[in-house]
Structures are given as C-alpha cells and as structure tokens.
C-alpha atoms as a PDB file:
ATOM      1  CA  MET A   1      67.770 189.285 128.085  1.00  0.00           C
ATOM      2  CA  ALA A   2      65.765 187.177 125.598  1.00  0.00           C
ATOM      3  CA  THR A   3      64.227 185.235 128.479  1.00  0.00           C
ATOM      4  CA  GLN A   4      63.093 188.481 130.107  1.00  0.00           C
ATOM      5  CA  VAL A   5      61.577 189.768 126.844  1.00  0.00           C
ATOM      6  CA  ARG A   6      59.783 186.458 126.341  1.00  0.00           C
ATOM      7  CA  ALA A   7      58.437 186.566 129.915  1.00  0.00           C
ATOM      8  CA  GLN A   8      57.177 190.121 129.412  1.00  0.00           C
ATOM      9  CA  ALA A   9      55.430 189.136 126.148  1.00  0.00           C
ATOM     10  CA  ARG A  10      53.776 186.180 127.869  1.00  0.00           C
ATOM     11  CA  GLN A  11      52.603 188.385 130.748  1.00  0.00           C
ATOM     12  CA  ARG A  12      51.192 190.999 128.356  1.00  0.00           C
ATOM     13  CA  ALA A  13      49.402 188.303 126.325  1.00  0.00           C
ATOM     14  CA  ALA A  14      47.872 186.768 129.442  1.00  0.00           C
ATOM     15  CA  SER A  15      46.807 190.065 130.986  1.00  0.00           C
ATOM     16  CA  SER A  16      45.720 192.373 128.192  1.00  0.00           C
ATOM     17  CA  ALA A  17      46.834 191.661 124.637  1.00  0.00           C
ATOM     18  CA  GLY A  18      45.852 188.036 124.027  1.00  0.00           C
ATOM     19  CA  LEU A  19      47.420 185.981 121.252  1.00  0.00           C
ATOM     20  CA  VAL A  20      46.960 185.621 117.519  1.00  0.00           C
ATOM     21  CA  ILE A  21      46.548 182.013 116.448  1.00  0.00           C
ATOM     22  CA  SER A  22      46.867 181.089 112.784  1.00  0.00           C
ATOM     23  CA  CYS A  23      46.376 177.577 111.488  1.00  0.00           C
ATOM     24  CA  ARG A  24      45.235 175.295 108.725  1.00  0.00           C
ATOM     25  CA  ALA A  25      43.182 172.429 110.107  1.00  0.00           C
ATOM     26  CA  HIS A  26      39.960 170.510 109.694  1.00  0.00           C
ATOM     27  CA  PHE A  27      37.112 172.042 111.670  1.00  0.00           C
ATOM     28  CA  GLY A  28      33.887 170.145 112.153  1.00  0.00           C
ATOM     29  CA  LEU A  29      30.908 171.973 113.568  1.00  0.00           C
ATOM     30  CA  GLY A  30      27.808 170.705 115.314  1.00  0.00           C
ATOM     31  CA  PRO A  31      25.313 169.976 116.663  1.00  0.00           C
ATOM     32  CA  GLU A  32      23.323 168.596 113.771  1.00  0.00           C
ATOM     33  CA  GLY A  33      21.149 171.131 112.023  1.00  0.00           C
ATOM     34  CA  THR A  34      23.781 173.818 111.563  1.00  0.00           C
ATOM     35  CA  SER A  35      23.871 175.508 108.189  1.00  0.00           C
ATOM     36  CA  THR A  36      25.714 174.019 105.231  1.00  0.00           C
ATOM     37  CA  SER A  37      28.213 176.882 105.425  1.00  0.00           C
ATOM     38  CA  ASP A  38      29.219 175.342 108.773  1.00  0.00           C
ATOM     39  CA  ALA A  39      29.955 171.900 107.295  1.00  0.00           C
ATOM     40  CA  GLY A  40      33.230 170.360 108.432  1.00  0.00           C
ATOM     41  CA  ARG A  41      36.148 171.172 106.165  1.00  0.00           C
ATOM     42  CA  VAL A  42      39.750 172.322 106.104  1.00  0.00           C
ATOM     43  CA  ARG A  43      39.978 176.015 106.924  1.00  0.00           C
ATOM     44  CA  ASP A  44      42.759 178.579 107.095  1.00  0.00           C
ATOM     45  CA  ILE A  45      42.063 180.660 110.169  1.00  0.00           C
ATOM     46  CA  SER A  46      43.840 183.572 111.793  1.00  0.00           C
ATOM     47  CA  VAL A  47      42.158 184.931 114.898  1.00  0.00           C
ATOM     48  CA  ALA A  48      42.978 187.018 117.962  1.00  0.00           C
ATOM     49  CA  VAL A  49      42.099 185.149 121.131  1.00  0.00           C
ATOM     50  CA  SER A  50      41.254 186.672 124.484  1.00  0.00           C
ATOM     51  CA  PRO A  51      43.760 187.237 127.274  1.00  0.00           C
ATOM     52  CA  SER A  52      41.968 184.592 129.356  1.00  0.00           C
ATOM     53  CA  HIS A  53      42.501 181.967 126.640  1.00  0.00           C
ATOM     54  CA  ALA A  54      46.084 183.179 126.182  1.00  0.00           C
ATOM     55  CA  ALA A  55      46.671 182.789 129.919  1.00  0.00           C
ATOM     56  CA  ALA A  56      45.273 179.242 129.850  1.00  0.00           C
ATOM     57  CA  ILE A  57      47.479 178.228 126.904  1.00  0.00           C
ATOM     58  CA  ILE A  58      50.608 179.797 128.413  1.00  0.00           C
ATOM     59  CA  ALA A  59      49.954 178.305 131.858  1.00  0.00           C
ATOM     60  CA  ALA A  60      49.361 174.857 130.371  1.00  0.00           C
ATOM     61  CA  GLN A  61      52.647 175.055 128.453  1.00  0.00           C
ATOM     62  CA  GLU A  62      54.587 176.300 131.480  1.00  0.00           C
ATOM     63  CA  ASP A  63      53.080 173.537 133.643  1.00  0.00           C
ATOM     64  CA  GLY A  64      54.337 170.877 131.238  1.00  0.00           C
ATOM     65  CA  ALA A  65      51.020 170.047 129.587  1.00  0.00           C
ATOM     66  CA  THR A  66      50.952 167.251 127.050  1.00  0.00           C
ATOM     67  CA  GLU A  67      50.589 168.040 123.369  1.00  0.00           C
ATOM     68  CA  SER A  68      47.003 166.776 123.615  1.00  0.00           C
ATOM     69  CA  ASP A  69      46.228 169.173 126.481  1.00  0.00           C
ATOM     70  CA  LEU A  70      47.712 172.082 124.543  1.00  0.00           C
ATOM     71  CA  HIS A  71      45.750 171.020 121.449  1.00  0.00           C
ATOM     72  CA  ASP A  72      42.535 171.159 123.488  1.00  0.00           C
ATOM     73  CA  ALA A  73      43.346 174.607 124.912  1.00  0.00           C
ATOM     74  CA  VAL A  74      44.162 176.016 121.458  1.00  0.00           C
ATOM     75  CA  ALA A  75      41.045 174.420 119.947  1.00  0.00           C
ATOM     76  CA  GLU A  76      38.825 175.963 122.629  1.00  0.00           C
ATOM     77  CA  ALA A  77      40.404 179.393 122.125  1.00  0.00           C
ATOM     78  CA  ILE A  78      39.832 179.236 118.354  1.00  0.00           C
ATOM     79  CA  ALA A  79      36.289 177.930 118.828  1.00  0.00           C
ATOM     80  CA  ASP A  80      35.349 180.799 121.133  1.00  0.00           C
ATOM     81  CA  ALA A  81      37.008 183.571 119.148  1.00  0.00           C
ATOM     82  CA  TYR A  82      36.180 182.477 115.601  1.00  0.00           C
ATOM     83  CA  PHE A  83      33.135 180.232 115.612  1.00  0.00           C
ATOM     84  CA  ARG A  84      31.281 181.193 118.781  1.00  0.00           C
ATOM     85  CA  GLN A  85      32.276 184.833 118.450  1.00  0.00           C
ATOM     86  CA  GLY A  86      32.958 185.337 122.128  1.00  0.00           C
ATOM     87  CA  GLY A  87      29.793 183.505 123.162  1.00  0.00           C
ATOM     88  CA  GLY A  88      27.401 185.685 121.194  1.00  0.00           C
ATOM     89  CA  GLY A  89      24.605 183.875 119.427  1.00  0.00           C
ATOM     90  CA  ARG A  90      26.388 180.566 118.866  1.00  0.00           C
ATOM     91  CA  ALA A  91      27.527 179.834 122.411  1.00  0.00           C
ATOM     92  CA  GLY A  92      26.459 176.164 122.258  1.00  0.00           C
ATOM     93  CA  LEU A  93      28.213 175.372 118.992  1.00  0.00           C
ATOM     94  CA  GLU A  94      30.444 172.294 119.186  1.00  0.00           C
ATOM     95  CA  VAL A  95      33.726 172.654 117.339  1.00  0.00           C
ATOM     96  CA  LYS A  96      35.983 169.738 116.453  1.00  0.00           C
ATOM     97  CA  PHE A  97      39.598 170.599 115.625  1.00  0.00           C
ATOM     98  CA  ALA A  98      41.621 167.890 113.833  1.00  0.00           C
ATOM     99  CA  ASP A  99      44.245 167.141 111.202  1.00  0.00           C
ATOM    100  CA  VAL A 100      46.290 170.249 111.929  1.00  0.00           C
ATOM    101  CA  GLU A 101      48.544 170.970 108.949  1.00  0.00           C
ATOM    102  CA  TRP A 102      50.275 173.936 110.580  1.00  0.00           C
ATOM    103  CA  LEU A 103      49.824 176.176 113.587  1.00  0.00           C
ATOM    104  CA  LYS A 104      51.439 179.500 114.485  1.00  0.00           C
ATOM    105  CA  ILE A 105      50.944 181.439 117.713  1.00  0.00           C
ATOM    106  CA  ARG A 106      52.079 185.071 117.910  1.00  0.00           C
ATOM    107  CA  PHE A 107      52.239 187.441 120.856  1.00  0.00           C
END
C-alpha cells in the first residue's frame, strides 16, 4: 500500500504538482557584474519546482543516479525556480550550489 501511495505521489509530482525543495546551502551567483545582493553566501531556501524538474529528479533517482548527478539535478531545479525565476529576465544567470547543510524534498 505504501509503495502504491509513493508511486502515485511521484507521478503527480512529475506530471502536474512539482516538488517543494527546502535547503540550507551556499549559493554563488555569476557571471561577474551581478548586483551585490547576489553575492555568494549561505541561504535558506524553500521553493516549488516545476513538474519537469520534478520528473528529472525522480527519474534520475529511479535510474540509480549517483549522489553527484542528483545534486546537479536539484541545483538546476532550484536555480531555475528561485534565481532565474522560470527563465524570466535572469535566464543566463549561473548558479553554484555547494556546502549543503540540509536538504528536504516534499511532494
């Protein structure tokens, strides 16, 4: 029963609901010339990520991705949803995600 509920939650996240990712990590932003409010620092972030990013994260996990691969998928999801704001205005912003203190992913 729990496996079926988990599978349904994963399907919903990947198709329509997305995921909520919360973390405390160091985020560095670039390229050079960004504002001082964008300087690299530790941030507490909680952000809803798109179903397409949720699908990528879930698929990577189910396919046996390494921790590094999952780290990259989560970092890209956070970068798009929080810093690039879905591609609007800051689409070219580089985001570095490091020194993760904690990470929580909710369906």
